[in-house]
Amino acid sequence: YASPAVRARATAERIQRHLSIDLRFEDALRLGAGIEATW
């Protein structure tokens, strides 16, 4: 699961290609979402 923000998306997509795993974007990981949303 990755933040949909540009930089996090780019990081996640590189890792996904390297590990060949499913990738989903989640607003709870967006910058400023806060620890409560992430928790």
PDB file of all heavy atoms in Angstrom:
ATOM      1  N   TYR A   1       0.868  -1.169   0.000  1.00  0.00           N
ATOM      2  CA  TYR A   1       0.000   0.000   0.000  1.00  0.00           C
ATOM      3  C   TYR A   1       0.906   1.220   0.000  1.00  0.00           C
ATOM      4  O   TYR A   1       1.901   1.253   0.730  1.00  0.00           O
ATOM      5  CB  TYR A   1      -0.889   0.035   1.246  1.00  0.00           C
ATOM      6  CG  TYR A   1      -2.070  -0.890   1.170  1.00  0.00           C
ATOM      7  CD1 TYR A   1      -1.964  -2.213   1.539  1.00  0.00           C
ATOM      8  CD2 TYR A   1      -3.302  -0.427   0.721  1.00  0.00           C
ATOM      9  CE1 TYR A   1      -3.049  -3.062   1.480  1.00  0.00           C
ATOM     10  CE2 TYR A   1      -4.398  -1.268   0.658  1.00  0.00           C
ATOM     11  CZ  TYR A   1      -4.262  -2.584   1.034  1.00  0.00           C
ATOM     12  OH  TYR A   1      -5.342  -3.420   0.965  1.00  0.00           O
ATOM     13  N   ALA A   2       0.559   2.216  -0.792  1.00  0.00           N
ATOM     14  CA  ALA A   2       1.391   3.407  -0.888  1.00  0.00           C
ATOM     15  C   ALA A   2       0.547   4.665  -0.923  1.00  0.00           C
ATOM     16  O   ALA A   2      -0.607   4.649  -1.351  1.00  0.00           O
ATOM     17  CB  ALA A   2       2.252   3.347  -2.156  1.00  0.00           C
ATOM     18  N   SER A   3       1.153   5.739  -0.485  1.00  0.00           N
ATOM     19  CA  SER A   3       0.551   7.060  -0.624  1.00  0.00           C
ATOM     20  C   SER A   3       0.412   7.352  -2.116  1.00  0.00           C
ATOM     21  O   SER A   3       1.290   7.013  -2.905  1.00  0.00           O
ATOM     22  CB  SER A   3       1.467   8.100   0.024  1.00  0.00           C
ATOM     23  OG  SER A   3       1.135   9.393  -0.415  1.00  0.00           O
ATOM     24  N   PRO A   4      -0.667   8.022  -2.508  1.00  0.00           N
ATOM     25  CA  PRO A   4      -0.819   8.373  -3.917  1.00  0.00           C
ATOM     26  C   PRO A   4       0.007   9.594  -4.331  1.00  0.00           C
ATOM     27  O   PRO A   4       0.000   9.972  -5.499  1.00  0.00           O
ATOM     28  CB  PRO A   4      -2.322   8.646  -4.050  1.00  0.00           C
ATOM     29  CG  PRO A   4      -2.762   9.038  -2.686  1.00  0.00           C
ATOM     30  CD  PRO A   4      -1.877   8.302  -1.731  1.00  0.00           C
ATOM     31  N   ALA A   5       0.734  10.213  -3.394  1.00  0.00           N
ATOM     32  CA  ALA A   5       1.560  11.374  -3.725  1.00  0.00           C
ATOM     33  C   ALA A   5       2.639  10.978  -4.737  1.00  0.00           C
ATOM     34  O   ALA A   5       3.103   9.835  -4.758  1.00  0.00           O
ATOM     35  CB  ALA A   5       2.202  11.944  -2.471  1.00  0.00           C
ATOM     36  N   VAL A   6       3.050  11.925  -5.555  1.00  0.00           N
ATOM     37  CA  VAL A   6       3.940  11.655  -6.689  1.00  0.00           C
ATOM     38  C   VAL A   6       5.216  10.918  -6.275  1.00  0.00           C
ATOM     39  O   VAL A   6       5.567   9.890  -6.865  1.00  0.00           O
ATOM     40  CB  VAL A   6       4.280  12.974  -7.429  1.00  0.00           C
ATOM     41  CG1 VAL A   6       5.322  12.734  -8.503  1.00  0.00           C
ATOM     42  CG2 VAL A   6       3.030  13.578  -8.028  1.00  0.00           C
ATOM     43  N   ARG A   7       5.923  11.430  -5.284  1.00  0.00           N
ATOM     44  CA  ARG A   7       7.201  10.823  -4.908  1.00  0.00           C
ATOM     45  C   ARG A   7       7.010   9.430  -4.310  1.00  0.00           C
ATOM     46  O   ARG A   7       7.751   8.498  -4.623  1.00  0.00           O
ATOM     47  CB  ARG A   7       7.940  11.726  -3.935  1.00  0.00           C
ATOM     48  CG  ARG A   7       9.346  11.285  -3.701  1.00  0.00           C
ATOM     49  CD  ARG A   7      10.126  12.369  -3.030  1.00  0.00           C
ATOM     50  NE  ARG A   7      11.495  11.947  -2.879  1.00  0.00           N
ATOM     51  CZ  ARG A   7      12.462  12.738  -2.569  1.00  0.00           C
ATOM     52  NH1 ARG A   7      12.230  14.017  -2.378  1.00  0.00           N
ATOM     53  NH2 ARG A   7      13.682  12.295  -2.435  1.00  0.00           N
ATOM     54  N   ALA A   8       6.024   9.255  -3.447  1.00  0.00           N
ATOM     55  CA  ALA A   8       5.751   7.941  -2.860  1.00  0.00           C
ATOM     56  C   ALA A   8       5.298   6.963  -3.940  1.00  0.00           C
ATOM     57  O   ALA A   8       5.677   5.788  -3.930  1.00  0.00           O
ATOM     58  CB  ALA A   8       4.698   8.048  -1.760  1.00  0.00           C
ATOM     59  N   ARG A   9       4.490   7.437  -4.864  1.00  0.00           N
ATOM     60  CA  ARG A   9       4.036   6.598  -5.973  1.00  0.00           C
ATOM     61  C   ARG A   9       5.226   6.099  -6.795  1.00  0.00           C
ATOM     62  O   ARG A   9       5.307   4.917  -7.129  1.00  0.00           O
ATOM     63  CB  ARG A   9       3.068   7.386  -6.866  1.00  0.00           C
ATOM     64  CG  ARG A   9       2.558   6.600  -8.055  1.00  0.00           C
ATOM     65  CD  ARG A   9       1.647   7.458  -8.918  1.00  0.00           C
ATOM     66  NE  ARG A   9       0.364   7.688  -8.306  1.00  0.00           N
ATOM     67  CZ  ARG A   9      -0.708   6.939  -8.508  1.00  0.00           C
ATOM     68  NH1 ARG A   9      -0.643   5.904  -9.318  1.00  0.00           N
ATOM     69  NH2 ARG A   9      -1.846   7.217  -7.921  1.00  0.00           N
ATOM     70  N   ALA A  10       6.159   6.989  -7.087  1.00  0.00           N
ATOM     71  CA  ALA A  10       7.337   6.605  -7.869  1.00  0.00           C
ATOM     72  C   ALA A  10       8.169   5.561  -7.120  1.00  0.00           C
ATOM     73  O   ALA A  10       8.621   4.572  -7.712  1.00  0.00           O
ATOM     74  CB  ALA A  10       8.179   7.842  -8.194  1.00  0.00           C
ATOM     75  N   THR A  11       8.363   5.772  -5.824  1.00  0.00           N
ATOM     76  CA  THR A  11       9.109   4.805  -5.009  1.00  0.00           C
ATOM     77  C   THR A  11       8.405   3.455  -5.016  1.00  0.00           C
ATOM     78  O   THR A  11       9.023   2.416  -5.244  1.00  0.00           O
ATOM     79  CB  THR A  11       9.250   5.320  -3.556  1.00  0.00           C
ATOM     80  OG1 THR A  11      10.043   6.503  -3.560  1.00  0.00           O
ATOM     81  CG2 THR A  11       9.883   4.272  -2.647  1.00  0.00           C
ATOM     82  N   ALA A  12       7.109   3.463  -4.765  1.00  0.00           N
ATOM     83  CA  ALA A  12       6.332   2.220  -4.717  1.00  0.00           C
ATOM     84  C   ALA A  12       6.365   1.484  -6.054  1.00  0.00           C
ATOM     85  O   ALA A  12       6.495   0.256  -6.084  1.00  0.00           O
ATOM     86  CB  ALA A  12       4.894   2.521  -4.314  1.00  0.00           C
ATOM     87  N   GLU A  13       6.252   2.211  -7.141  1.00  0.00           N
ATOM     88  CA  GLU A  13       6.254   1.563  -8.456  1.00  0.00           C
ATOM     89  C   GLU A  13       7.607   0.922  -8.770  1.00  0.00           C
ATOM     90  O   GLU A  13       7.661  -0.155  -9.362  1.00  0.00           O
ATOM     91  CB  GLU A  13       5.837   2.560  -9.530  1.00  0.00           C
ATOM     92  CG  GLU A  13       4.343   2.882  -9.442  1.00  0.00           C
ATOM     93  CD  GLU A  13       3.887   4.011 -10.341  1.00  0.00           C
ATOM     94  OE1 GLU A  13       4.750   4.792 -10.835  1.00  0.00           O
ATOM     95  OE2 GLU A  13       2.659   4.129 -10.527  1.00  0.00           O
ATOM     96  N   ARG A  14       8.712   1.557  -8.345  1.00  0.00           N
ATOM     97  CA  ARG A  14      10.038   0.946  -8.532  1.00  0.00           C
ATOM     98  C   ARG A  14      10.175  -0.323  -7.694  1.00  0.00           C
ATOM     99  O   ARG A  14      10.671  -1.345  -8.178  1.00  0.00           O
ATOM    100  CB  ARG A  14      11.144   1.938  -8.190  1.00  0.00           C
ATOM    101  CG  ARG A  14      11.363   2.984  -9.274  1.00  0.00           C
ATOM    102  CD  ARG A  14      12.644   3.773  -9.068  1.00  0.00           C
ATOM    103  NE  ARG A  14      12.731   4.431  -7.782  1.00  0.00           N
ATOM    104  CZ  ARG A  14      12.260   5.641  -7.512  1.00  0.00           C
ATOM    105  NH1 ARG A  14      11.663   6.333  -8.464  1.00  0.00           N
ATOM    106  NH2 ARG A  14      12.395   6.166  -6.316  1.00  0.00           N
ATOM    107  N   ILE A  15       9.731  -0.268  -6.446  1.00  0.00           N
ATOM    108  CA  ILE A  15       9.795  -1.449  -5.585  1.00  0.00           C
ATOM    109  C   ILE A  15       8.905  -2.554  -6.145  1.00  0.00           C
ATOM    110  O   ILE A  15       9.299  -3.721  -6.192  1.00  0.00           O
ATOM    111  CB  ILE A  15       9.395  -1.099  -4.138  1.00  0.00           C
ATOM    112  CG1 ILE A  15      10.448  -0.189  -3.505  1.00  0.00           C
ATOM    113  CG2 ILE A  15       9.198  -2.369  -3.303  1.00  0.00           C
ATOM    114  CD1 ILE A  15      10.044   0.383  -2.157  1.00  0.00           C
ATOM    115  N   GLN A  16       7.725  -2.182  -6.596  1.00  0.00           N
ATOM    116  CA  GLN A  16       6.779  -3.167  -7.138  1.00  0.00           C
ATOM    117  C   GLN A  16       7.387  -3.908  -8.328  1.00  0.00           C
ATOM    118  O   GLN A  16       7.288  -5.123  -8.429  1.00  0.00           O
ATOM    119  CB  GLN A  16       5.480  -2.492  -7.550  1.00  0.00           C
ATOM    120  CG  GLN A  16       4.457  -3.496  -8.019  1.00  0.00           C
ATOM    121  CD  GLN A  16       3.666  -3.031  -9.215  1.00  0.00           C
ATOM    122  OE1 GLN A  16       4.036  -2.094  -9.905  1.00  0.00           O
ATOM    123  NE2 GLN A  16       2.576  -3.711  -9.455  1.00  0.00           N
ATOM    124  N   ARG A  17       8.032  -3.182  -9.222  1.00  0.00           N
ATOM    125  CA  ARG A  17       8.658  -3.830 -10.381  1.00  0.00           C
ATOM    126  C   ARG A  17       9.777  -4.773  -9.932  1.00  0.00           C
ATOM    127  O   ARG A  17       9.963  -5.835 -10.504  1.00  0.00           O
ATOM    128  CB  ARG A  17       9.203  -2.789 -11.349  1.00  0.00           C
ATOM    129  CG  ARG A  17       8.120  -2.106 -12.165  1.00  0.00           C
ATOM    130  CD  ARG A  17       8.693  -1.287 -13.299  1.00  0.00           C
ATOM    131  NE  ARG A  17       9.550  -0.203 -12.857  1.00  0.00           N
ATOM    132  CZ  ARG A  17       9.135   1.014 -12.513  1.00  0.00           C
ATOM    133  NH1 ARG A  17       7.849   1.306 -12.565  1.00  0.00           N
ATOM    134  NH2 ARG A  17       9.992   1.934 -12.140  1.00  0.00           N
ATOM    135  N   HIS A  18      10.502  -4.381  -8.892  1.00  0.00           N
ATOM    136  CA  HIS A  18      11.620  -5.185  -8.396  1.00  0.00           C
ATOM    137  C   HIS A  18      11.140  -6.455  -7.690  1.00  0.00           C
ATOM    138  O   HIS A  18      11.730  -7.513  -7.845  1.00  0.00           O
ATOM    139  CB  HIS A  18      12.468  -4.325  -7.448  1.00  0.00           C
ATOM    140  CG  HIS A  18      13.707  -4.984  -6.979  1.00  0.00           C
ATOM    141  ND1 HIS A  18      14.786  -5.209  -7.799  1.00  0.00           N
ATOM    142  CD2 HIS A  18      14.043  -5.485  -5.760  1.00  0.00           C
ATOM    143  CE1 HIS A  18      15.741  -5.806  -7.114  1.00  0.00           C
ATOM    144  NE2 HIS A  18      15.307  -5.985  -5.870  1.00  0.00           N
ATOM    145  N   LEU A  19      10.070  -6.356  -6.907  1.00  0.00           N
ATOM    146  CA  LEU A  19       9.572  -7.494  -6.135  1.00  0.00           C
ATOM    147  C   LEU A  19       8.405  -8.233  -6.781  1.00  0.00           C
ATOM    148  O   LEU A  19       8.023  -9.298  -6.321  1.00  0.00           O
ATOM    149  CB  LEU A  19       9.128  -7.037  -4.738  1.00  0.00           C
ATOM    150  CG  LEU A  19      10.207  -6.548  -3.785  1.00  0.00           C
ATOM    151  CD1 LEU A  19       9.592  -6.143  -2.457  1.00  0.00           C
ATOM    152  CD2 LEU A  19      11.274  -7.610  -3.575  1.00  0.00           C
ATOM    153  N   SER A  20       7.799  -7.643  -7.803  1.00  0.00           N
ATOM    154  CA  SER A  20       6.638  -8.241  -8.473  1.00  0.00           C
ATOM    155  C   SER A  20       5.510  -8.552  -7.487  1.00  0.00           C
ATOM    156  O   SER A  20       5.048  -9.684  -7.375  1.00  0.00           O
ATOM    157  CB  SER A  20       7.035  -9.507  -9.231  1.00  0.00           C
ATOM    158  OG  SER A  20       7.979  -9.208 -10.218  1.00  0.00           O
ATOM    159  N   ILE A  21       5.058  -7.509  -6.747  1.00  0.00           N
ATOM    160  CA  ILE A  21       3.950  -7.671  -5.809  1.00  0.00           C
ATOM    161  C   ILE A  21       2.826  -6.720  -6.191  1.00  0.00           C
ATOM    162  O   ILE A  21       3.044  -5.757  -6.925  1.00  0.00           O
ATOM    163  CB  ILE A  21       4.381  -7.443  -4.345  1.00  0.00           C
ATOM    164  CG1 ILE A  21       4.901  -6.021  -4.126  1.00  0.00           C
ATOM    165  CG2 ILE A  21       5.420  -8.463  -3.922  1.00  0.00           C
ATOM    166  CD1 ILE A  21       5.269  -5.699  -2.684  1.00  0.00           C
ATOM    167  N   ASP A  22       1.629  -7.004  -5.700  1.00  0.00           N
ATOM    168  CA  ASP A  22       0.474  -6.147  -5.949  1.00  0.00           C
ATOM    169  C   ASP A  22       0.678  -4.801  -5.266  1.00  0.00           C
ATOM    170  O   ASP A  22       1.220  -4.733  -4.165  1.00  0.00           O
ATOM    171  CB  ASP A  22      -0.809  -6.787  -5.435  1.00  0.00           C
ATOM    172  CG  ASP A  22      -1.232  -7.985  -6.262  1.00  0.00           C
ATOM    173  OD1 ASP A  22      -0.858  -8.049  -7.450  1.00  0.00           O
ATOM    174  OD2 ASP A  22      -1.930  -8.853  -5.722  1.00  0.00           O
ATOM    175  N   LEU A  23       0.205  -3.734  -5.906  1.00  0.00           N
ATOM    176  CA  LEU A  23       0.340  -2.381  -5.387  1.00  0.00           C
ATOM    177  C   LEU A  23      -1.024  -1.711  -5.386  1.00  0.00           C
ATOM    178  O   LEU A  23      -1.739  -1.735  -6.393  1.00  0.00           O
ATOM    179  CB  LEU A  23       1.316  -1.576  -6.259  1.00  0.00           C
ATOM    180  CG  LEU A  23       1.421  -0.081  -6.012  1.00  0.00           C
ATOM    181  CD1 LEU A  23       1.875   0.221  -4.592  1.00  0.00           C
ATOM    182  CD2 LEU A  23       2.386   0.539  -7.025  1.00  0.00           C
ATOM    183  N   ARG A  24      -1.368  -1.110  -4.238  1.00  0.00           N
ATOM    184  CA  ARG A  24      -2.619  -0.352  -4.103  1.00  0.00           C
ATOM    185  C   ARG A  24      -2.289   0.990  -3.463  1.00  0.00           C
ATOM    186  O   ARG A  24      -1.429   1.072  -2.596  1.00  0.00           O
ATOM    187  CB  ARG A  24      -3.613  -1.106  -3.227  1.00  0.00           C
ATOM    188  CG  ARG A  24      -4.005  -2.448  -3.823  1.00  0.00           C
ATOM    189  CD  ARG A  24      -4.957  -3.198  -2.950  1.00  0.00           C
ATOM    190  NE  ARG A  24      -5.103  -4.550  -3.476  1.00  0.00           N
ATOM    191  CZ  ARG A  24      -5.554  -5.563  -2.790  1.00  0.00           C
ATOM    192  NH1 ARG A  24      -5.935  -5.393  -1.541  1.00  0.00           N
ATOM    193  NH2 ARG A  24      -5.644  -6.752  -3.326  1.00  0.00           N
ATOM    194  N   PHE A  25      -2.999   2.019  -3.880  1.00  0.00           N
ATOM    195  CA  PHE A  25      -2.776   3.355  -3.338  1.00  0.00           C
ATOM    196  C   PHE A  25      -3.829   3.652  -2.282  1.00  0.00           C
ATOM    197  O   PHE A  25      -5.001   3.322  -2.453  1.00  0.00           O
ATOM    198  CB  PHE A  25      -2.767   4.391  -4.459  1.00  0.00           C
ATOM    199  CG  PHE A  25      -1.607   4.170  -5.393  1.00  0.00           C
ATOM    200  CD1 PHE A  25      -1.786   3.519  -6.601  1.00  0.00           C
ATOM    201  CD2 PHE A  25      -0.331   4.570  -5.026  1.00  0.00           C
ATOM    202  CE1 PHE A  25      -0.707   3.275  -7.436  1.00  0.00           C
ATOM    203  CE2 PHE A  25       0.753   4.326  -5.853  1.00  0.00           C
ATOM    204  CZ  PHE A  25       0.564   3.675  -7.057  1.00  0.00           C
ATOM    205  N   GLU A  26      -3.394   4.250  -1.174  1.00  0.00           N
ATOM    206  CA  GLU A  26      -4.239   4.438  -0.001  1.00  0.00           C
ATOM    207  C   GLU A  26      -4.087   5.855   0.545  1.00  0.00           C
ATOM    208  O   GLU A  26      -2.981   6.289   0.877  1.00  0.00           O
ATOM    209  CB  GLU A  26      -3.826   3.406   1.061  1.00  0.00           C
ATOM    210  CG  GLU A  26      -4.480   3.544   2.387  1.00  0.00           C
ATOM    211  CD  GLU A  26      -5.977   3.327   2.346  1.00  0.00           C
ATOM    212  OE1 GLU A  26      -6.434   2.319   1.789  1.00  0.00           O
ATOM    213  OE2 GLU A  26      -6.699   4.199   2.879  1.00  0.00           O
ATOM    214  N   ASP A  27      -5.208   6.581   0.639  1.00  0.00           N
ATOM    215  CA  ASP A  27      -5.185   7.948   1.139  1.00  0.00           C
ATOM    216  C   ASP A  27      -4.715   8.058   2.589  1.00  0.00           C
ATOM    217  O   ASP A  27      -4.190   9.090   2.987  1.00  0.00           O
ATOM    218  CB  ASP A  27      -6.558   8.606   0.988  1.00  0.00           C
ATOM    219  CG  ASP A  27      -6.840   9.028  -0.446  1.00  0.00           C
ATOM    220  OD1 ASP A  27      -5.867   9.258  -1.201  1.00  0.00           O
ATOM    221  OD2 ASP A  27      -8.014   9.132  -0.815  1.00  0.00           O
ATOM    222  N   ALA A  28      -4.859   7.000   3.382  1.00  0.00           N
ATOM    223  CA  ALA A  28      -4.407   7.039   4.781  1.00  0.00           C
ATOM    224  C   ALA A  28      -2.891   7.173   4.883  1.00  0.00           C
ATOM    225  O   ALA A  28      -2.364   7.488   5.940  1.00  0.00           O
ATOM    226  CB  ALA A  28      -4.861   5.790   5.522  1.00  0.00           C
ATOM    227  N   LEU A  29      -2.184   6.959   3.776  1.00  0.00           N
ATOM    228  CA  LEU A  29      -0.726   7.107   3.750  1.00  0.00           C
ATOM    229  C   LEU A  29      -0.288   8.432   3.135  1.00  0.00           C
ATOM    230  O   LEU A  29       0.898   8.714   3.041  1.00  0.00           O
ATOM    231  CB  LEU A  29      -0.091   5.937   2.983  1.00  0.00           C
ATOM    232  CG  LEU A  29      -0.279   4.576   3.638  1.00  0.00           C
ATOM    233  CD1 LEU A  29       0.156   3.461   2.688  1.00  0.00           C
ATOM    234  CD2 LEU A  29       0.477   4.498   4.943  1.00  0.00           C
ATOM    235  N   ARG A  30      -1.242   9.233   2.737  1.00  0.00           N
ATOM    236  CA  ARG A  30      -0.940  10.529   2.119  1.00  0.00           C
ATOM    237  C   ARG A  30      -0.249  11.442   3.135  1.00  0.00           C
ATOM    238  O   ARG A  30      -0.504  11.375   4.325  1.00  0.00           O
ATOM    239  CB  ARG A  30      -2.237  11.172   1.628  1.00  0.00           C
ATOM    240  CG  ARG A  30      -2.058  12.438   0.833  1.00  0.00           C
ATOM    241  CD  ARG A  30      -3.396  12.980   0.360  1.00  0.00           C
ATOM    242  NE  ARG A  30      -4.011  12.188  -0.694  1.00  0.00           N
ATOM    243  CZ  ARG A  30      -3.650  12.228  -1.971  1.00  0.00           C
ATOM    244  NH1 ARG A  30      -2.671  12.994  -2.354  1.00  0.00           N
ATOM    245  NH2 ARG A  30      -4.286  11.497  -2.859  1.00  0.00           N
ATOM    246  N   LEU A  31       0.636  12.301   2.660  1.00  0.00           N
ATOM    247  CA  LEU A  31       1.326  13.264   3.514  1.00  0.00           C
ATOM    248  C   LEU A  31       0.306  14.097   4.269  1.00  0.00           C
ATOM    249  O   LEU A  31      -0.647  14.608   3.687  1.00  0.00           O
ATOM    250  CB  LEU A  31       2.216  14.176   2.664  1.00  0.00           C
ATOM    251  CG  LEU A  31       3.082  15.170   3.425  1.00  0.00           C
ATOM    252  CD1 LEU A  31       4.076  14.451   4.322  1.00  0.00           C
ATOM    253  CD2 LEU A  31       3.826  16.067   2.448  1.00  0.00           C
ATOM    254  N   GLY A  32       0.464  14.178   5.564  1.00  0.00           N
ATOM    255  CA  GLY A  32      -0.446  14.957   6.391  1.00  0.00           C
ATOM    256  C   GLY A  32      -1.663  14.186   6.866  1.00  0.00           C
ATOM    257  O   GLY A  32      -2.479  14.719   7.613  1.00  0.00           O
ATOM    258  N   ALA A  33      -1.797  12.913   6.464  1.00  0.00           N
ATOM    259  CA  ALA A  33      -2.953  12.123   6.902  1.00  0.00           C
ATOM    260  C   ALA A  33      -2.907  11.890   8.404  1.00  0.00           C
ATOM    261  O   ALA A  33      -3.938  11.743   9.042  1.00  0.00           O
ATOM    262  CB  ALA A  33      -3.005  10.786   6.158  1.00  0.00           C
ATOM    263  N   GLY A  34      -1.725  11.859   8.968  1.00  0.00           N
ATOM    264  CA  GLY A  34      -1.581  11.706  10.413  1.00  0.00           C
ATOM    265  C   GLY A  34      -1.462  10.277  10.856  1.00  0.00           C
ATOM    266  O   GLY A  34      -1.876   9.347  10.162  1.00  0.00           O
ATOM    267  N   ILE A  35      -0.895  10.095  12.033  1.00  0.00           N
ATOM    268  CA  ILE A  35      -0.648   8.769  12.575  1.00  0.00           C
ATOM    269  C   ILE A  35      -1.950   8.017  12.844  1.00  0.00           C
ATOM    270  O   ILE A  35      -2.012   6.795  12.701  1.00  0.00           O
ATOM    271  CB  ILE A  35       0.258   8.832  13.833  1.00  0.00           C
ATOM    272  CG1 ILE A  35       0.765   7.441  14.229  1.00  0.00           C
ATOM    273  CG2 ILE A  35      -0.451   9.502  14.992  1.00  0.00           C
ATOM    274  CD1 ILE A  35       1.757   6.848  13.292  1.00  0.00           C
ATOM    275  N   GLU A  36      -3.024   8.732  13.179  1.00  0.00           N
ATOM    276  CA  GLU A  36      -4.293   8.053  13.470  1.00  0.00           C
ATOM    277  C   GLU A  36      -4.842   7.344  12.240  1.00  0.00           C
ATOM    278  O   GLU A  36      -5.279   6.193  12.313  1.00  0.00           O
ATOM    279  CB  GLU A  36      -5.333   9.042  14.010  1.00  0.00           C
ATOM    280  CG  GLU A  36      -4.974   9.655  15.347  1.00  0.00           C
ATOM    281  CD  GLU A  36      -4.033  10.855  15.211  1.00  0.00           C
ATOM    282  OE1 GLU A  36      -3.856  11.390  14.087  1.00  0.00           O
ATOM    283  OE2 GLU A  36      -3.443  11.257  16.231  1.00  0.00           O
ATOM    284  N   ALA A  37      -4.817   8.028  11.099  1.00  0.00           N
ATOM    285  CA  ALA A  37      -5.310   7.416   9.858  1.00  0.00           C
ATOM    286  C   ALA A  37      -4.427   6.243   9.451  1.00  0.00           C
ATOM    287  O   ALA A  37      -4.917   5.177   9.054  1.00  0.00           O
ATOM    288  CB  ALA A  37      -5.365   8.453   8.741  1.00  0.00           C
ATOM    289  N   THR A  38      -3.121   6.423   9.572  1.00  0.00           N
ATOM    290  CA  THR A  38      -2.190   5.353   9.211  1.00  0.00           C
ATOM    291  C   THR A  38      -2.346   4.168  10.155  1.00  0.00           C
ATOM    292  O   THR A  38      -2.345   3.015   9.726  1.00  0.00           O
ATOM    293  CB  THR A  38      -0.741   5.876   9.227  1.00  0.00           C
ATOM    294  OG1 THR A  38      -0.664   7.038   8.395  1.00  0.00           O
ATOM    295  CG2 THR A  38       0.225   4.841   8.701  1.00  0.00           C
ATOM    296  N   TRP A  39      -2.511   4.453  11.457  1.00  0.00           N
ATOM    297  CA  TRP A  39      -2.708   3.382  12.442  1.00  0.00           C
ATOM    298  C   TRP A  39      -3.982   2.602  12.133  1.00  0.00           C
ATOM    299  O   TRP A  39      -4.016   1.377  12.234  1.00  0.00           O
ATOM    300  CB  TRP A  39      -2.746   3.968  13.856  1.00  0.00           C
ATOM    301  CG  TRP A  39      -2.828   2.907  14.903  1.00  0.00           C
ATOM    302  CD1 TRP A  39      -3.935   2.515  15.585  1.00  0.00           C
ATOM    303  CD2 TRP A  39      -1.764   2.091  15.372  1.00  0.00           C
ATOM    304  NE1 TRP A  39      -3.623   1.511  16.467  1.00  0.00           N
ATOM    305  CE2 TRP A  39      -2.296   1.223  16.356  1.00  0.00           C
ATOM    306  CE3 TRP A  39      -0.406   2.001  15.060  1.00  0.00           C
ATOM    307  CZ2 TRP A  39      -1.515   0.284  17.019  1.00  0.00           C
ATOM    308  CZ3 TRP A  39       0.365   1.067  15.741  1.00  0.00           C
ATOM    309  CH2 TRP A  39      -0.198   0.222  16.703  1.00  0.00           C
TER     310      TRP A  39
END
